[in-house]
Protein backbone atom coordinates (compact mmCIF):
# COMPACT_ATOMS: atom_id res chain seq x y z
CA UNK A 1 -131.83 79.07 59.95
CA UNK A 2 -129.16 80.38 62.47
CA UNK A 3 -126.65 78.42 64.01
CA UNK A 4 -126.92 78.57 67.83
CA UNK A 5 -123.55 76.68 68.40
CA UNK A 6 -121.20 78.65 70.15
CA UNK A 7 -117.42 77.52 71.07
CA UNK A 8 -116.77 76.31 74.33
CA UNK A 9 -114.77 78.34 76.49
CA UNK A 10 -111.19 77.32 77.32
CA UNK A 11 -111.23 75.37 80.55
CA UNK A 12 -108.36 75.57 82.92
CA UNK A 13 -106.82 72.48 84.31
CA UNK A 14 -106.72 74.06 87.64
CA UNK A 15 -108.50 76.79 89.14
CA UNK A 16 -105.41 78.78 89.47
CA UNK A 17 -103.46 80.92 87.41
CA UNK A 18 -102.31 78.81 84.60
CA UNK A 19 -104.62 77.73 81.70
CA UNK A 20 -103.45 74.62 80.33
CA UNK A 21 -104.58 75.61 76.88
CA UNK A 22 -102.46 78.45 76.56
CA UNK A 23 -99.36 78.32 74.54
CA UNK A 24 -95.93 78.53 75.89
CA UNK A 25 -95.68 81.79 74.50
CA UNK A 26 -98.90 83.17 76.22
CA UNK A 27 -97.70 81.44 79.46
CA UNK A 28 -94.58 83.26 79.44
CA UNK A 29 -96.25 86.43 78.51
CA UNK A 30 -98.27 86.37 81.72
CA UNK A 31 -95.93 84.67 83.90
CA UNK A 32 -92.30 85.03 82.75
CA UNK A 33 -91.28 83.59 86.10
CA UNK A 34 -92.02 80.19 85.20
CA UNK A 35 -89.17 80.02 82.86
CA UNK A 36 -86.99 77.92 85.09
CA UNK A 37 -90.03 75.32 85.35
CA UNK A 38 -90.07 74.95 81.50
CA UNK A 39 -86.16 74.47 81.52
CA UNK A 40 -86.35 71.94 84.28
CA UNK A 41 -88.68 69.99 81.92
CA UNK A 42 -86.58 70.63 78.88
CA UNK A 43 -89.54 72.74 77.32
CA UNK A 44 -88.66 74.67 74.15
CA UNK A 45 -89.55 78.41 74.61
CA UNK A 46 -88.45 79.33 71.11
CA UNK A 47 -89.52 76.99 68.31
CA UNK A 48 -92.21 75.34 70.60
CA UNK A 49 -93.64 78.37 71.95
CA UNK A 50 -96.59 78.26 69.93
CA UNK A 51 -97.56 74.65 71.12
CA UNK A 52 -100.27 74.67 74.01
CA UNK A 53 -98.95 73.37 77.53
CA UNK A 54 -101.29 70.42 77.02
CA UNK A 55 -99.70 69.58 73.54
CA UNK A 56 -96.48 69.99 75.19
CA UNK A 57 -97.09 67.82 78.15
CA UNK A 58 -98.03 64.85 75.63
CA UNK A 59 -94.99 65.40 73.45
CA UNK A 60 -92.44 65.32 76.40
CA UNK A 61 -94.42 62.60 78.10
CA UNK A 62 -94.94 64.65 81.28
CA UNK A 63 -98.22 64.31 83.32
CA UNK A 64 -100.09 67.38 82.69
CA UNK A 65 -101.16 67.76 86.27
CA UNK A 66 -97.64 67.72 87.63
CA UNK A 67 -96.65 70.25 84.79
CA UNK A 68 -99.38 72.68 85.57
CA UNK A 69 -98.92 72.34 89.48
CA UNK A 70 -95.29 73.11 89.08
CA UNK A 71 -96.04 76.22 87.10
CA UNK A 72 -98.77 77.27 89.63
CA UNK A 73 -96.23 76.86 92.47
CA UNK A 74 -93.81 78.91 90.53
CA UNK A 75 -96.26 81.74 89.89
CA UNK A 76 -97.61 81.63 93.50
CA UNK A 77 -93.95 81.65 94.85
CA UNK A 78 -93.20 84.81 92.68
CA UNK A 79 -96.46 86.60 94.21
CA UNK A 80 -95.60 85.82 97.71
């Protein structure tokens, strides 16, 4: 019997640039310009860099939507 189950694809919280399932390290690899946003929220980009944005939001008690929107604005502003 063959297992037909497949892993669900990662789903972005928004339809924009940032995927909330990415790690902080992955986010910074794609968009280093978001570092000031992470600093504003006191998000560790060193030892905590392996954590997903979703997990970081929970640990820092930050509304995930607010955080992702701030990251998205930062990316868009840098591209303008």
